[in-house]
Amino acid sequence: MQKSKLLVVLSTGFAACALAGGALAEGLELPKKLEGKAVVLKPDDPDYVRAKVDSAVKPAGMGGVSQALVVRVTQDIPVYRMWNGPNKKDARGNTNRLGGWWSYDAPHGPASKYRSDYEICVAWNDLTWMATCTLKAGAVVAIGPGQSVSAETCGDPTGKETYAANDKDWQTYVDKPWTRAAELVCPPDSADYPAASNNIAKGNQ
């Protein structure tokens, strides 16, 4: 094989590895909030694939995260998710309480800031209730900085609803959480609370 062709093959192979194997996490380090509570897994770890990095990392404008670390939780940690509340259900009778996207940072501030910080389109979530669940020790998830969301992705024909990428407020992706009851443990939804729009922290509703 000629040298130039070899370089092309190597470059293409690296790009594929970066997309499929999670090498997109260049420069990312375990957040201080999770130090002592989680360990970073390398792509060759047998548990790495459980995080489904390909489902978490999205191109610009598509939401999700821009890069991802795969971590194994080493002690139980609380995670939080806003949702539409128990009275809003889809055609199958399900709520959006148990979804893939969570935060390990305790909720605070106005709901509008939470929406902007975590790039959540209005059509996706009303952000009116707060659920608190527990990622159990041994859980394997993807974490990373939030990716930008375009008006097209939000389904906004006016082009006004867009969200910038956010390197500060990281998101936690739990793939198919309804199949991982041993890793993501949630109390009954009666334990959730309606969040005040001006301050989503518990006790301010």
Protein backbone atom coordinates (compact mmCIF):
# COMPACT_ATOMS: atom_id res chain seq x y z
CA MET A 1 0.00 0.00 0.00
CA GLN A 2 1.33 3.44 -0.90
CA LYS A 3 2.21 5.75 1.98
CA SER A 4 -0.46 8.32 1.04
CA LYS A 5 -3.13 5.64 0.92
CA LEU A 6 -1.99 4.26 4.25
CA LEU A 7 -2.38 7.69 5.84
CA VAL A 8 -5.90 7.97 4.46
CA VAL A 9 -6.84 4.57 5.85
CA LEU A 10 -5.37 5.40 9.25
CA SER A 11 -7.13 8.77 9.36
CA THR A 12 -10.45 7.25 8.35
CA GLY A 13 -10.06 4.49 10.91
CA PHE A 14 -9.29 7.00 13.66
CA ALA A 15 -12.33 9.08 12.76
CA ALA A 16 -14.56 6.02 12.89
CA CYS A 17 -13.07 5.06 16.24
CA ALA A 18 -13.63 8.58 17.55
CA LEU A 19 -17.30 8.48 16.63
CA ALA A 20 -18.05 4.92 17.66
CA GLY A 21 -15.61 4.46 20.51
CA GLY A 22 -16.02 7.71 22.38
CA ALA A 23 -12.60 9.20 21.61
CA LEU A 24 -14.55 12.45 21.20
CA ALA A 25 -13.90 12.96 24.92
CA GLU A 26 -10.55 14.65 24.22
CA GLY A 27 -9.68 17.02 27.03
CA LEU A 28 -12.62 16.02 29.21
CA GLU A 29 -11.93 15.16 32.83
CA LEU A 30 -14.15 13.72 35.51
CA PRO A 31 -16.04 16.65 37.09
CA LYS A 32 -15.06 17.48 40.65
CA LYS A 33 -18.65 16.85 41.70
CA LEU A 34 -18.14 13.17 40.82
CA GLU A 35 -14.63 12.67 42.18
CA GLY A 36 -14.63 9.68 44.51
CA LYS A 37 -18.11 8.75 43.26
CA ALA A 38 -17.33 7.50 39.74
CA VAL A 39 -14.45 6.28 37.59
CA VAL A 40 -13.87 6.91 33.90
CA LEU A 41 -13.95 3.83 31.66
CA LYS A 42 -11.76 3.39 28.59
CA PRO A 43 -13.24 2.15 25.30
CA ASP A 44 -11.63 -1.27 25.78
CA ASP A 45 -13.46 -1.83 29.08
CA PRO A 46 -16.16 -4.52 28.58
CA ASP A 47 -18.74 -2.27 30.28
CA TYR A 48 -18.02 0.73 28.03
CA VAL A 49 -20.60 -0.23 25.42
CA ARG A 50 -23.39 -0.16 28.01
CA ALA A 51 -23.28 3.65 28.02
CA LYS A 52 -24.34 3.83 24.35
CA VAL A 53 -22.12 6.80 23.55
CA ASP A 54 -23.39 6.90 19.97
CA SER A 55 -26.88 7.70 21.29
CA ALA A 56 -25.61 10.42 23.61
CA VAL A 57 -23.17 12.34 21.39
CA LYS A 58 -24.89 14.40 18.69
CA PRO A 59 -23.79 16.84 15.98
CA ALA A 60 -24.15 20.57 16.56
CA GLY A 61 -27.77 21.67 16.56
CA MET A 62 -29.13 18.25 17.46
CA GLY A 63 -29.05 18.29 21.27
CA GLY A 64 -27.60 15.52 23.41
CA VAL A 65 -23.98 16.07 24.42
CA SER A 66 -21.10 17.35 22.30
CA GLN A 67 -18.59 14.93 23.87
CA ALA A 68 -18.91 12.16 26.40
CA LEU A 69 -17.06 10.40 29.15
CA VAL A 70 -18.23 6.93 30.09
CA VAL A 71 -18.24 6.44 33.84
CA ARG A 72 -18.98 3.66 36.27
CA VAL A 73 -20.64 4.97 39.41
CA THR A 74 -18.83 3.73 42.52
CA GLN A 75 -21.30 4.97 45.11
CA ASP A 76 -24.97 5.88 44.99
CA ILE A 77 -25.60 9.42 43.69
CA PRO A 78 -28.84 11.36 43.31
CA VAL A 79 -29.85 12.46 39.81
CA TYR A 80 -32.60 14.85 38.80
CA ARG A 81 -35.01 15.18 35.90
CA MET A 82 -37.78 17.66 35.15
CA TRP A 83 -40.91 16.36 33.48
CA ASN A 84 -44.50 17.22 32.55
CA GLY A 85 -46.21 15.85 35.63
CA PRO A 86 -48.49 12.86 36.23
CA ASN A 87 -51.50 14.22 34.37
CA LYS A 88 -49.88 14.63 30.96
CA LYS A 89 -49.59 11.32 29.12
CA ASP A 90 -48.88 10.23 25.58
CA ALA A 91 -51.09 8.08 23.36
CA ARG A 92 -49.81 4.94 25.12
CA GLY A 93 -50.67 6.30 28.54
CA ASN A 94 -47.05 7.01 29.54
CA THR A 95 -45.59 10.15 31.09
CA ASN A 96 -42.14 11.51 30.28
CA ARG A 97 -40.89 11.06 33.84
CA LEU A 98 -38.48 8.26 33.01
CA GLY A 99 -36.30 9.49 30.16
CA GLY A 100 -32.70 9.26 29.10
CA TRP A 101 -31.46 12.67 30.22
CA TRP A 102 -30.64 13.58 33.84
CA SER A 103 -28.52 15.97 35.88
CA TYR A 104 -26.29 15.16 38.84
CA ASP A 105 -26.44 18.83 39.92
CA ALA A 106 -29.24 19.68 42.35
CA PRO A 107 -31.99 21.81 40.76
CA HIS A 108 -31.99 25.53 41.45
CA GLY A 109 -32.99 28.82 39.88
CA PRO A 110 -35.80 29.55 37.42
CA ALA A 111 -37.17 26.90 35.08
CA SER A 112 -36.31 29.11 32.10
CA LYS A 113 -32.61 28.99 33.03
CA TYR A 114 -32.78 25.23 33.50
CA ARG A 115 -34.26 24.96 30.01
CA SER A 116 -31.45 27.07 28.55
CA ASP A 117 -28.67 25.40 30.56
CA TYR A 118 -29.74 21.91 29.49
CA GLU A 119 -30.93 22.81 25.98
CA ILE A 120 -34.51 21.53 26.38
CA CYS A 121 -36.99 22.50 23.67
CA VAL A 122 -40.47 23.61 24.76
CA ALA A 123 -42.00 20.85 22.63
CA TRP A 124 -39.97 18.22 24.48
CA ASN A 125 -40.75 19.06 28.07
CA ASP A 126 -43.00 21.40 30.08
CA LEU A 127 -40.49 21.45 32.99
CA THR A 128 -43.20 21.60 35.62
CA TRP A 129 -42.32 18.69 37.94
CA MET A 130 -39.05 17.48 39.43
CA ALA A 131 -38.10 13.84 39.94
CA THR A 132 -35.20 12.69 42.10
CA CYS A 133 -33.84 9.20 41.51
CA THR A 134 -30.65 7.36 42.45
CA LEU A 135 -27.89 6.08 40.20
CA LYS A 136 -26.72 3.00 42.05
CA ALA A 137 -23.12 1.97 42.49
CA GLY A 138 -22.13 -0.06 39.44
CA ALA A 139 -24.27 1.90 36.97
CA VAL A 140 -22.53 2.76 33.69
CA VAL A 141 -23.60 5.99 32.00
CA ALA A 142 -22.35 8.68 29.63
CA ILE A 143 -21.80 12.23 30.86
CA GLY A 144 -20.74 15.36 29.03
CA PRO A 145 -21.33 19.00 28.11
CA GLY A 146 -24.62 19.80 26.44
CA GLN A 147 -24.76 20.15 22.67
CA SER A 148 -26.49 23.04 20.90
CA VAL A 149 -30.07 22.73 19.65
CA SER A 150 -31.38 24.43 16.51
CA ALA A 151 -34.84 25.85 15.93
CA GLU A 152 -35.37 23.14 13.32
CA THR A 153 -34.63 20.43 15.88
CA CYS A 154 -37.02 22.11 18.31
CA GLY A 155 -39.68 22.22 15.58
CA ASP A 156 -39.98 26.01 15.82
CA PRO A 157 -41.03 27.43 12.42
CA THR A 158 -40.22 30.98 13.56
CA GLY A 159 -36.56 30.09 14.00
CA LYS A 160 -36.42 31.77 17.39
CA GLU A 161 -36.06 28.82 19.76
CA THR A 162 -32.41 27.86 19.78
CA TYR A 163 -30.01 26.82 22.54
CA ALA A 164 -26.26 27.24 22.62
CA ALA A 165 -23.87 24.46 23.60
CA ASN A 166 -23.03 24.54 27.30
CA ASP A 167 -19.66 23.34 28.57
CA LYS A 168 -20.47 24.17 32.19
CA ASP A 169 -23.66 22.24 33.01
CA TRP A 170 -23.03 18.61 32.13
CA GLN A 171 -25.75 16.12 31.34
CA THR A 172 -26.08 12.47 32.27
CA TYR A 173 -27.35 9.98 29.69
CA VAL A 174 -28.96 6.77 30.92
CA ASP A 175 -29.76 4.58 27.96
CA LYS A 176 -33.24 3.00 28.10
CA PRO A 177 -33.70 3.64 31.83
CA TRP A 178 -36.93 1.63 31.95
CA THR A 179 -34.79 -1.50 31.37
CA ARG A 180 -32.24 -0.61 34.07
CA ALA A 181 -34.24 -0.66 37.27
CA ALA A 182 -31.27 -2.03 39.22
CA GLU A 183 -29.08 0.89 38.16
CA LEU A 184 -31.54 3.81 38.19
CA VAL A 185 -33.82 3.50 41.19
CA CYS A 186 -36.80 5.85 41.36
CA PRO A 187 -39.42 6.23 44.08
CA PRO A 188 -43.10 6.40 43.12
CA ASP A 189 -43.95 9.63 41.29
CA SER A 190 -45.87 10.72 44.39
CA ALA A 191 -42.42 11.57 45.80
CA ASP A 192 -41.89 14.19 43.08
CA TYR A 193 -42.86 17.83 43.49
CA PRO A 194 -44.36 20.51 41.25
CA ALA A 195 -41.54 22.99 40.63
CA ALA A 196 -42.15 26.71 40.89
CA SER A 197 -41.24 28.46 37.64
CA ASN A 198 -39.18 31.09 39.46
CA ASN A 199 -37.18 28.57 41.51
CA ILE A 200 -37.21 24.85 40.80
CA ALA A 201 -35.47 23.87 44.03
CA LYS A 202 -37.54 21.81 46.44
CA GLY A 203 -39.24 23.94 49.05
CA ASN A 204 -39.82 26.86 46.70
CA GLN A 205 -42.98 25.61 45.04
